[in-house]
Amino acid sequence: MKKFALLALMLLFVLTIPITSIAAELKFGLLPRLSEKEMIDGFTPLAQYLEKELGVKVKLVVPKDFETWTNEAKAGAYDIAYTNPYLYVVVKKAVKDAQAIAIASEPEIGTKLYGTIIVKKDSPIKSISDLKGKTIAATDPGSAGAYLVQMLMLQKANLKKDDVKIIFEKRRDPVADAVLAGKADAGFVRDDDVEKLKAGGDKFRRLGKSDPIPNWVVFTGKKIDSNMATKIKNAVLKLKPGDLQSIKVLAPARTDGFVPATDKDFNIMIDAAKAAGAY
């Protein structure tokens, strides 16, 4: 009986240990903004850093597309995730325990993103309001800086979603190509991407620039216990913008550090998503 009681107590102790305290690994879900290889190569140093800080294996997961990532994030497949600000609010709406912990800083743009609307340099379109009845190329319905925030720009110019025709081209360069080829009258791209276009930024003119939206966000999912969530947050926020350690860890991911995040930072994304009928 004593042996049985001892085994029962040991079993009870094990069952009360938070799952992440004994987990073999944490799954880190990356939104596939680039190819799987580029994402893995870029974020492996961060995963290795987190393993050292947390004492737990960190496995990078790169789904095939935005939709798959979103469905898996809503289902709680990721312990940690990295995504654009729009898909964070989508996941947060479905998973109340999801918690934003940090906003990424990029060397050229910092912690804020801006969207813009481009037309050909010689286009007769002079203002956003002139886009009524026009065809516009965008990247993806889930793109924060290359679709959703521009829909908010249209709304502020008194244009409704039905006033324009949107076609999706998946990436920024096909968007620009569609504009140059006359397939679209205008294009939605991130403002900082205009000069990076393969077609040449000098071939386009900006109609306007959006209000700032948060850069990409790191968040914890519903499976994380509070102790592990705190450890993750502390580890991520140790990587401050401009710090030498941050540069070493994050440069391959085209990032230079993180700053603290709160859900209030993402209110503009909710407004933009509503303007696009996506929230």
C-alpha atoms as a PDB file:
ATOM      1  CA  MET A   1       0.000   0.000   0.000  1.00  0.00           C
ATOM      2  CA  LYS A   2       2.822   2.371   0.865  1.00  0.00           C
ATOM      3  CA  LYS A   3       4.445   1.690  -2.503  1.00  0.00           C
ATOM      4  CA  PHE A   4       1.137   2.326  -4.287  1.00  0.00           C
ATOM      5  CA  ALA A   5       0.603   5.566  -2.379  1.00  0.00           C
ATOM      6  CA  LEU A   6       4.110   6.741  -3.274  1.00  0.00           C
ATOM      7  CA  LEU A   7       3.527   5.999  -6.964  1.00  0.00           C
ATOM      8  CA  ALA A   8       0.220   7.860  -6.836  1.00  0.00           C
ATOM      9  CA  LEU A   9       1.883  10.906  -5.309  1.00  0.00           C
ATOM     10  CA  MET A  10       4.618  10.844  -7.959  1.00  0.00           C
ATOM     11  CA  LEU A  11       2.014  10.632 -10.721  1.00  0.00           C
ATOM     12  CA  LEU A  12       0.054  13.529  -9.228  1.00  0.00           C
ATOM     13  CA  PHE A  13       3.238  15.620  -9.100  1.00  0.00           C
ATOM     14  CA  VAL A  14       4.028  14.947 -12.746  1.00  0.00           C
ATOM     15  CA  LEU A  15       0.504  15.806 -13.833  1.00  0.00           C
ATOM     16  CA  THR A  16       0.676  19.175 -12.071  1.00  0.00           C
ATOM     17  CA  ILE A  17       3.858  20.241 -13.886  1.00  0.00           C
ATOM     18  CA  PRO A  18       2.978  22.759 -16.668  1.00  0.00           C
ATOM     19  CA  ILE A  19       3.154  21.049 -20.031  1.00  0.00           C
ATOM     20  CA  THR A  20       5.769  23.468 -21.368  1.00  0.00           C
ATOM     21  CA  SER A  21       8.022  22.649 -18.407  1.00  0.00           C
ATOM     22  CA  ILE A  22       8.424  19.083 -19.683  1.00  0.00           C
ATOM     23  CA  ALA A  23       7.794  19.674 -23.375  1.00  0.00           C
ATOM     24  CA  ALA A  24      10.429  18.317 -25.717  1.00  0.00           C
ATOM     25  CA  GLU A  25      10.096  21.364 -27.957  1.00  0.00           C
ATOM     26  CA  LEU A  26       8.238  24.582 -28.651  1.00  0.00           C
ATOM     27  CA  LYS A  27       6.779  25.109 -32.129  1.00  0.00           C
ATOM     28  CA  PHE A  28       7.547  28.524 -33.624  1.00  0.00           C
ATOM     29  CA  GLY A  29       5.141  29.216 -36.496  1.00  0.00           C
ATOM     30  CA  LEU A  30       6.470  31.661 -39.112  1.00  0.00           C
ATOM     31  CA  LEU A  31       4.126  33.340 -41.584  1.00  0.00           C
ATOM     32  CA  PRO A  32       5.633  32.516 -45.012  1.00  0.00           C
ATOM     33  CA  ARG A  33       6.358  36.015 -46.310  1.00  0.00           C
ATOM     34  CA  LEU A  34       9.318  34.456 -48.166  1.00  0.00           C
ATOM     35  CA  SER A  35      10.119  30.918 -49.337  1.00  0.00           C
ATOM     36  CA  GLU A  36      10.420  28.152 -46.745  1.00  0.00           C
ATOM     37  CA  LYS A  37      14.204  28.015 -47.171  1.00  0.00           C
ATOM     38  CA  GLU A  38      14.562  31.785 -46.777  1.00  0.00           C
ATOM     39  CA  MET A  39      12.416  31.761 -43.650  1.00  0.00           C
ATOM     40  CA  ILE A  40      14.290  28.830 -42.084  1.00  0.00           C
ATOM     41  CA  ASP A  41      17.692  30.315 -42.930  1.00  0.00           C
ATOM     42  CA  GLY A  42      16.661  33.709 -41.607  1.00  0.00           C
ATOM     43  CA  PHE A  43      15.153  32.571 -38.308  1.00  0.00           C
ATOM     44  CA  THR A  44      17.405  29.669 -37.326  1.00  0.00           C
ATOM     45  CA  PRO A  45      19.754  31.952 -35.309  1.00  0.00           C
ATOM     46  CA  LEU A  46      16.730  33.269 -33.364  1.00  0.00           C
ATOM     47  CA  ALA A  47      15.514  29.732 -32.692  1.00  0.00           C
ATOM     48  CA  GLN A  48      18.978  28.771 -31.444  1.00  0.00           C
ATOM     49  CA  TYR A  49      19.088  31.860 -29.224  1.00  0.00           C
ATOM     50  CA  LEU A  50      15.690  31.014 -27.723  1.00  0.00           C
ATOM     51  CA  GLU A  51      16.744  27.420 -27.090  1.00  0.00           C
ATOM     52  CA  LYS A  52      19.694  28.680 -25.071  1.00  0.00           C
ATOM     53  CA  GLU A  53      17.577  31.188 -23.139  1.00  0.00           C
ATOM     54  CA  LEU A  54      14.614  28.865 -22.486  1.00  0.00           C
ATOM     55  CA  GLY A  55      16.315  25.502 -22.144  1.00  0.00           C
ATOM     56  CA  VAL A  56      13.804  23.954 -24.553  1.00  0.00           C
ATOM     57  CA  LYS A  57      14.102  22.855 -28.185  1.00  0.00           C
ATOM     58  CA  VAL A  58      12.531  25.401 -30.578  1.00  0.00           C
ATOM     59  CA  LYS A  59      11.266  24.009 -33.894  1.00  0.00           C
ATOM     60  CA  LEU A  60      10.623  26.421 -36.764  1.00  0.00           C
ATOM     61  CA  VAL A  61       7.428  25.707 -38.720  1.00  0.00           C
ATOM     62  CA  VAL A  62       6.818  27.346 -42.126  1.00  0.00           C
ATOM     63  CA  PRO A  63       3.422  26.432 -43.643  1.00  0.00           C
ATOM     64  CA  LYS A  64       2.876  26.519 -47.398  1.00  0.00           C
ATOM     65  CA  ASP A  65       0.810  29.724 -47.409  1.00  0.00           C
ATOM     66  CA  PHE A  66      -0.890  32.430 -45.333  1.00  0.00           C
ATOM     67  CA  GLU A  67      -4.175  30.501 -45.135  1.00  0.00           C
ATOM     68  CA  THR A  68      -2.530  27.379 -43.745  1.00  0.00           C
ATOM     69  CA  TRP A  69      -0.591  29.421 -41.194  1.00  0.00           C
ATOM     70  CA  THR A  70      -3.783  31.181 -40.087  1.00  0.00           C
ATOM     71  CA  ASN A  71      -5.764  27.970 -39.709  1.00  0.00           C
ATOM     72  CA  GLU A  72      -2.981  26.318 -37.740  1.00  0.00           C
ATOM     73  CA  ALA A  73      -2.507  29.362 -35.503  1.00  0.00           C
ATOM     74  CA  LYS A  74      -6.241  29.461 -34.747  1.00  0.00           C
ATOM     75  CA  ALA A  75      -6.107  25.771 -33.875  1.00  0.00           C
ATOM     76  CA  GLY A  76      -3.336  26.408 -31.354  1.00  0.00           C
ATOM     77  CA  ALA A  77      -0.651  24.578 -33.339  1.00  0.00           C
ATOM     78  CA  TYR A  78       2.060  27.117 -32.450  1.00  0.00           C
ATOM     79  CA  ASP A  79       3.508  27.887 -29.033  1.00  0.00           C
ATOM     80  CA  ILE A  80       5.225  30.987 -30.437  1.00  0.00           C
ATOM     81  CA  ALA A  81       4.403  32.718 -33.707  1.00  0.00           C
ATOM     82  CA  TYR A  82       5.652  35.517 -35.948  1.00  0.00           C
ATOM     83  CA  THR A  83       3.197  37.233 -38.244  1.00  0.00           C
ATOM     84  CA  ASN A  84       2.008  40.455 -39.767  1.00  0.00           C
ATOM     85  CA  PRO A  85      -0.175  42.747 -37.627  1.00  0.00           C
ATOM     86  CA  TYR A  86      -3.416  41.884 -39.432  1.00  0.00           C
ATOM     87  CA  LEU A  87      -3.192  38.138 -38.994  1.00  0.00           C
ATOM     88  CA  TYR A  88      -2.354  38.685 -35.333  1.00  0.00           C
ATOM     89  CA  VAL A  89      -5.704  40.410 -34.753  1.00  0.00           C
ATOM     90  CA  VAL A  90      -7.430  37.627 -36.701  1.00  0.00           C
ATOM     91  CA  VAL A  91      -5.860  34.979 -34.468  1.00  0.00           C
ATOM     92  CA  LYS A  92      -6.481  37.042 -31.329  1.00  0.00           C
ATOM     93  CA  LYS A  93     -10.167  37.249 -32.205  1.00  0.00           C
ATOM     94  CA  ALA A  94     -10.341  33.451 -32.351  1.00  0.00           C
ATOM     95  CA  VAL A  95      -7.846  32.628 -29.576  1.00  0.00           C
ATOM     96  CA  LYS A  96      -8.358  34.930 -26.609  1.00  0.00           C
ATOM     97  CA  ASP A  97      -5.289  33.596 -24.799  1.00  0.00           C
ATOM     98  CA  ALA A  98      -2.969  34.601 -27.649  1.00  0.00           C
ATOM     99  CA  GLN A  99      -0.765  37.435 -26.425  1.00  0.00           C
ATOM    100  CA  ALA A 100       1.380  39.895 -28.375  1.00  0.00           C
ATOM    101  CA  ILE A 101       4.759  40.238 -26.702  1.00  0.00           C
ATOM    102  CA  ALA A 102       6.958  42.147 -29.139  1.00  0.00           C
ATOM    103  CA  ILE A 103       6.951  44.198 -32.332  1.00  0.00           C
ATOM    104  CA  ALA A 104       9.865  43.744 -34.721  1.00  0.00           C
ATOM    105  CA  SER A 105      12.151  46.583 -35.744  1.00  0.00           C
ATOM    106  CA  GLU A 106      13.720  46.565 -39.221  1.00  0.00           C
ATOM    107  CA  PRO A 107      16.936  48.449 -40.052  1.00  0.00           C
ATOM    108  CA  GLU A 108      15.385  50.755 -42.658  1.00  0.00           C
ATOM    109  CA  ILE A 109      11.917  51.362 -41.235  1.00  0.00           C
ATOM    110  CA  GLY A 110      11.964  50.656 -37.498  1.00  0.00           C
ATOM    111  CA  THR A 111       8.819  49.376 -35.773  1.00  0.00           C
ATOM    112  CA  LYS A 112       6.229  50.946 -38.099  1.00  0.00           C
ATOM    113  CA  LEU A 113       5.016  49.991 -41.565  1.00  0.00           C
ATOM    114  CA  TYR A 114       3.369  52.198 -44.165  1.00  0.00           C
ATOM    115  CA  GLY A 115       1.368  51.241 -47.201  1.00  0.00           C
ATOM    116  CA  THR A 116       1.217  53.169 -50.446  1.00  0.00           C
ATOM    117  CA  ILE A 117      -0.736  53.157 -53.690  1.00  0.00           C
ATOM    118  CA  ILE A 118       1.312  53.300 -56.874  1.00  0.00           C
ATOM    119  CA  VAL A 119       0.419  54.173 -60.451  1.00  0.00           C
ATOM    120  CA  LYS A 120       2.548  54.467 -63.569  1.00  0.00           C
ATOM    121  CA  LYS A 121       4.537  57.669 -63.622  1.00  0.00           C
ATOM    122  CA  ASP A 122       2.559  58.996 -66.611  1.00  0.00           C
ATOM    123  CA  SER A 123      -0.835  57.793 -65.351  1.00  0.00           C
ATOM    124  CA  PRO A 124      -3.707  60.302 -65.604  1.00  0.00           C
ATOM    125  CA  ILE A 125      -4.806  59.212 -62.102  1.00  0.00           C
ATOM    126  CA  LYS A 126      -3.906  62.069 -59.760  1.00  0.00           C
ATOM    127  CA  SER A 127      -5.595  61.201 -56.450  1.00  0.00           C
ATOM    128  CA  ILE A 128      -7.006  58.277 -54.498  1.00  0.00           C
ATOM    129  CA  SER A 129     -10.540  59.398 -55.272  1.00  0.00           C
ATOM    130  CA  ASP A 130      -9.729  59.000 -58.990  1.00  0.00           C
ATOM    131  CA  LEU A 131      -9.522  55.233 -58.427  1.00  0.00           C
ATOM    132  CA  LYS A 132     -13.300  54.853 -58.486  1.00  0.00           C
ATOM    133  CA  GLY A 133     -14.185  52.262 -61.108  1.00  0.00           C
ATOM    134  CA  LYS A 134     -10.534  51.265 -61.575  1.00  0.00           C
ATOM    135  CA  THR A 135      -8.732  47.920 -61.260  1.00  0.00           C
ATOM    136  CA  ILE A 136      -6.146  47.658 -58.492  1.00  0.00           C
ATOM    137  CA  ALA A 137      -3.521  44.948 -58.002  1.00  0.00           C
ATOM    138  CA  ALA A 138      -2.644  43.869 -54.448  1.00  0.00           C
ATOM    139  CA  THR A 139      -0.526  41.085 -53.023  1.00  0.00           C
ATOM    140  CA  ASP A 140      -2.760  39.012 -50.743  1.00  0.00           C
ATOM    141  CA  PRO A 141      -6.037  39.469 -48.827  1.00  0.00           C
ATOM    142  CA  GLY A 142      -4.042  38.908 -45.631  1.00  0.00           C
ATOM    143  CA  SER A 143      -1.376  41.506 -46.367  1.00  0.00           C
ATOM    144  CA  ALA A 144      -1.333  44.292 -43.785  1.00  0.00           C
ATOM    145  CA  GLY A 145       0.884  46.716 -45.692  1.00  0.00           C
ATOM    146  CA  ALA A 146      -0.012  45.783 -49.263  1.00  0.00           C
ATOM    147  CA  TYR A 147      -3.796  45.506 -49.140  1.00  0.00           C
ATOM    148  CA  LEU A 148      -5.597  46.154 -45.868  1.00  0.00           C
ATOM    149  CA  VAL A 149      -4.174  49.519 -44.872  1.00  0.00           C
ATOM    150  CA  GLN A 150      -4.744  50.754 -48.435  1.00  0.00           C
ATOM    151  CA  MET A 151      -8.415  49.776 -48.125  1.00  0.00           C
ATOM    152  CA  LEU A 152      -8.545  52.101 -45.133  1.00  0.00           C
ATOM    153  CA  MET A 153      -6.966  54.784 -47.333  1.00  0.00           C
ATOM    154  CA  LEU A 154      -9.762  54.270 -49.871  1.00  0.00           C
ATOM    155  CA  GLN A 155     -12.368  54.520 -47.136  1.00  0.00           C
ATOM    156  CA  LYS A 156     -10.902  57.816 -45.956  1.00  0.00           C
ATOM    157  CA  ALA A 157     -11.164  59.055 -49.560  1.00  0.00           C
ATOM    158  CA  ASN A 158     -14.886  58.163 -49.458  1.00  0.00           C
ATOM    159  CA  LEU A 159     -14.510  55.110 -51.680  1.00  0.00           C
ATOM    160  CA  LYS A 160     -16.243  51.841 -50.876  1.00  0.00           C
ATOM    161  CA  LYS A 161     -14.820  48.389 -51.495  1.00  0.00           C
ATOM    162  CA  ASP A 162     -17.306  47.891 -54.343  1.00  0.00           C
ATOM    163  CA  ASP A 163     -16.105  51.100 -56.019  1.00  0.00           C
ATOM    164  CA  VAL A 164     -12.931  49.343 -57.217  1.00  0.00           C
ATOM    165  CA  LYS A 165     -11.963  45.954 -58.617  1.00  0.00           C
ATOM    166  CA  ILE A 166      -9.170  44.177 -56.720  1.00  0.00           C
ATOM    167  CA  ILE A 167      -6.982  41.495 -58.264  1.00  0.00           C
ATOM    168  CA  PHE A 168      -4.410  39.589 -56.204  1.00  0.00           C
ATOM    169  CA  GLU A 169      -0.915  38.894 -57.542  1.00  0.00           C
ATOM    170  CA  LYS A 170       0.680  37.243 -54.451  1.00  0.00           C
ATOM    171  CA  ARG A 171       3.959  39.224 -54.456  1.00  0.00           C
ATOM    172  CA  ARG A 172       5.032  42.861 -54.763  1.00  0.00           C
ATOM    173  CA  ASP A 173       6.840  42.510 -58.111  1.00  0.00           C
ATOM    174  CA  PRO A 174       3.873  40.923 -59.950  1.00  0.00           C
ATOM    175  CA  VAL A 175       1.760  43.775 -58.559  1.00  0.00           C
ATOM    176  CA  ALA A 176       4.126  46.316 -60.109  1.00  0.00           C
ATOM    177  CA  ASP A 177       4.277  44.341 -63.352  1.00  0.00           C
ATOM    178  CA  ALA A 178       0.472  44.322 -63.547  1.00  0.00           C
ATOM    179  CA  VAL A 179       0.437  48.103 -63.267  1.00  0.00           C
ATOM    180  CA  LEU A 180       3.113  48.562 -65.940  1.00  0.00           C
ATOM    181  CA  ALA A 181       1.372  46.126 -68.297  1.00  0.00           C
ATOM    182  CA  GLY A 182      -1.975  47.892 -67.949  1.00  0.00           C
ATOM    183  CA  LYS A 183      -3.573  44.881 -66.294  1.00  0.00           C
ATOM    184  CA  ALA A 184      -4.223  47.133 -63.308  1.00  0.00           C
ATOM    185  CA  ASP A 185      -4.582  50.901 -63.051  1.00  0.00           C
ATOM    186  CA  ALA A 186      -2.900  51.043 -59.638  1.00  0.00           C
ATOM    187  CA  GLY A 187      -1.136  48.805 -57.164  1.00  0.00           C
ATOM    188  CA  PHE A 188      -0.967  48.327 -53.401  1.00  0.00           C
ATOM    189  CA  VAL A 189       2.551  47.814 -52.004  1.00  0.00           C
ATOM    190  CA  ARG A 190       4.446  48.560 -48.821  1.00  0.00           C
ATOM    191  CA  ASP A 191       5.860  52.062 -49.022  1.00  0.00           C
ATOM    192  CA  ASP A 192       9.404  50.888 -48.300  1.00  0.00           C
ATOM    193  CA  ASP A 193       9.152  48.337 -51.132  1.00  0.00           C
ATOM    194  CA  VAL A 194       8.715  50.854 -53.964  1.00  0.00           C
ATOM    195  CA  GLU A 195      12.451  51.423 -54.409  1.00  0.00           C
ATOM    196  CA  LYS A 196      13.051  47.649 -54.195  1.00  0.00           C
ATOM    197  CA  LEU A 197      10.783  46.766 -57.128  1.00  0.00           C
ATOM    198  CA  LYS A 198      12.570  44.793 -59.844  1.00  0.00           C
ATOM    199  CA  ALA A 199      10.822  46.905 -62.485  1.00  0.00           C
ATOM    200  CA  GLY A 200      12.387  50.027 -60.963  1.00  0.00           C
ATOM    201  CA  GLY A 201      10.797  52.385 -58.478  1.00  0.00           C
ATOM    202  CA  ASP A 202      11.350  55.324 -60.816  1.00  0.00           C
ATOM    203  CA  LYS A 203       8.654  53.977 -63.134  1.00  0.00           C
ATOM    204  CA  PHE A 204       5.937  54.668 -60.556  1.00  0.00           C
ATOM    205  CA  ARG A 205       4.297  57.527 -58.704  1.00  0.00           C
ATOM    206  CA  ARG A 206       2.786  57.335 -55.213  1.00  0.00           C
ATOM    207  CA  LEU A 207      -0.811  58.497 -54.762  1.00  0.00           C
ATOM    208  CA  GLY A 208      -0.511  58.600 -51.014  1.00  0.00           C
ATOM    209  CA  LYS A 209       0.983  57.068 -47.893  1.00  0.00           C
ATOM    210  CA  SER A 210      -0.993  55.366 -45.137  1.00  0.00           C
ATOM    211  CA  ASP A 211      -1.009  56.074 -41.431  1.00  0.00           C
ATOM    212  CA  PRO A 212       1.574  53.935 -39.596  1.00  0.00           C
ATOM    213  CA  ILE A 213       0.736  50.378 -38.606  1.00  0.00           C
ATOM    214  CA  PRO A 214       2.780  48.098 -36.327  1.00  0.00           C
ATOM    215  CA  ASN A 215       5.531  46.041 -37.874  1.00  0.00           C
ATOM    216  CA  TRP A 216       5.447  42.245 -37.595  1.00  0.00           C
ATOM    217  CA  VAL A 217       4.667  40.775 -34.192  1.00  0.00           C
ATOM    218  CA  VAL A 218       5.833  37.903 -32.007  1.00  0.00           C
ATOM    219  CA  PHE A 219       3.076  36.374 -29.916  1.00  0.00           C
ATOM    220  CA  THR A 220       2.477  33.373 -27.688  1.00  0.00           C
ATOM    221  CA  GLY A 221      -0.346  30.920 -28.308  1.00  0.00           C
ATOM    222  CA  LYS A 222      -3.011  29.391 -26.099  1.00  0.00           C
ATOM    223  CA  LYS A 223      -0.903  26.375 -25.061  1.00  0.00           C
ATOM    224  CA  ILE A 224       1.768  28.382 -23.256  1.00  0.00           C
ATOM    225  CA  ASP A 225       1.726  28.374 -19.452  1.00  0.00           C
ATOM    226  CA  SER A 226       2.364  31.699 -17.725  1.00  0.00           C
ATOM    227  CA  ASN A 227       5.895  30.891 -16.565  1.00  0.00           C
ATOM    228  CA  MET A 228       7.063  29.901 -20.036  1.00  0.00           C
ATOM    229  CA  ALA A 229       5.265  32.886 -21.600  1.00  0.00           C
ATOM    230  CA  THR A 230       7.162  35.217 -19.275  1.00  0.00           C
ATOM    231  CA  LYS A 231      10.471  33.541 -20.113  1.00  0.00           C
ATOM    232  CA  ILE A 232       9.777  33.863 -23.840  1.00  0.00           C
ATOM    233  CA  LYS A 233       8.819  37.519 -23.506  1.00  0.00           C
ATOM    234  CA  ASN A 234      11.922  38.351 -21.493  1.00  0.00           C
ATOM    235  CA  ALA A 235      14.170  36.503 -23.937  1.00  0.00           C
ATOM    236  CA  VAL A 236      12.683  38.213 -27.004  1.00  0.00           C
ATOM    237  CA  LEU A 237      12.778  41.685 -25.468  1.00  0.00           C
ATOM    238  CA  LYS A 238      16.449  41.263 -24.537  1.00  0.00           C
ATOM    239  CA  LEU A 239      17.035  41.652 -28.275  1.00  0.00           C
ATOM    240  CA  LYS A 240      16.812  45.438 -28.357  1.00  0.00           C
ATOM    241  CA  PRO A 241      17.063  47.454 -31.606  1.00  0.00           C
ATOM    242  CA  GLY A 242      20.647  48.378 -32.388  1.00  0.00           C
ATOM    243  CA  ASP A 243      22.191  46.085 -29.756  1.00  0.00           C
ATOM    244  CA  LEU A 244      25.171  44.058 -31.010  1.00  0.00           C
ATOM    245  CA  GLN A 245      23.697  40.765 -29.793  1.00  0.00           C
ATOM    246  CA  SER A 246      20.423  41.575 -31.534  1.00  0.00           C
ATOM    247  CA  ILE A 247      22.196  42.238 -34.817  1.00  0.00           C
ATOM    248  CA  LYS A 248      24.071  38.938 -34.578  1.00  0.00           C
ATOM    249  CA  VAL A 249      20.892  36.961 -33.901  1.00  0.00           C
ATOM    250  CA  LEU A 250      18.407  38.821 -36.087  1.00  0.00           C
ATOM    251  CA  ALA A 251      20.306  40.151 -39.102  1.00  0.00           C
ATOM    252  CA  PRO A 252      19.597  36.991 -41.173  1.00  0.00           C
ATOM    253  CA  ALA A 253      15.884  37.633 -40.568  1.00  0.00           C
ATOM    254  CA  ARG A 254      16.263  41.226 -41.812  1.00  0.00           C
ATOM    255  CA  THR A 255      15.381  42.486 -38.346  1.00  0.00           C
ATOM    256  CA  ASP A 256      17.438  44.396 -35.787  1.00  0.00           C
ATOM    257  CA  GLY A 257      15.503  44.045 -32.532  1.00  0.00           C
ATOM    258  CA  PHE A 258      12.148  44.003 -30.748  1.00  0.00           C
ATOM    259  CA  VAL A 259      10.116  46.458 -28.650  1.00  0.00           C
ATOM    260  CA  PRO A 260       7.249  45.663 -26.238  1.00  0.00           C
ATOM    261  CA  ALA A 261       3.749  45.244 -27.697  1.00  0.00           C
ATOM    262  CA  THR A 262       0.230  45.669 -26.356  1.00  0.00           C
ATOM    263  CA  ASP A 263      -3.074  44.870 -28.038  1.00  0.00           C
ATOM    264  CA  LYS A 264      -3.829  48.606 -28.320  1.00  0.00           C
ATOM    265  CA  ASP A 265      -1.023  48.863 -30.868  1.00  0.00           C
ATOM    266  CA  PHE A 266      -3.188  46.859 -33.282  1.00  0.00           C
ATOM    267  CA  ASN A 267      -6.403  48.905 -33.194  1.00  0.00           C
ATOM    268  CA  ILE A 268      -5.558  50.479 -36.563  1.00  0.00           C
ATOM    269  CA  MET A 269      -5.340  47.002 -38.068  1.00  0.00           C
ATOM    270  CA  ILE A 270      -8.849  46.236 -36.860  1.00  0.00           C
ATOM    271  CA  ASP A 271     -10.052  49.446 -38.548  1.00  0.00           C
ATOM    272  CA  ALA A 272      -8.233  48.535 -41.776  1.00  0.00           C
ATOM    273  CA  ALA A 273      -9.620  44.997 -41.736  1.00  0.00           C
ATOM    274  CA  LYS A 274     -13.142  46.334 -41.251  1.00  0.00           C
ATOM    275  CA  ALA A 275     -12.643  48.682 -44.212  1.00  0.00           C
ATOM    276  CA  ALA A 276     -11.765  45.619 -46.303  1.00  0.00           C
ATOM    277  CA  GLY A 277     -14.679  43.597 -44.916  1.00  0.00           C
ATOM    278  CA  ALA A 278     -12.188  41.171 -43.371  1.00  0.00           C
ATOM    279  CA  TYR A 279     -12.938  41.445 -39.647  1.00  0.00           C
END
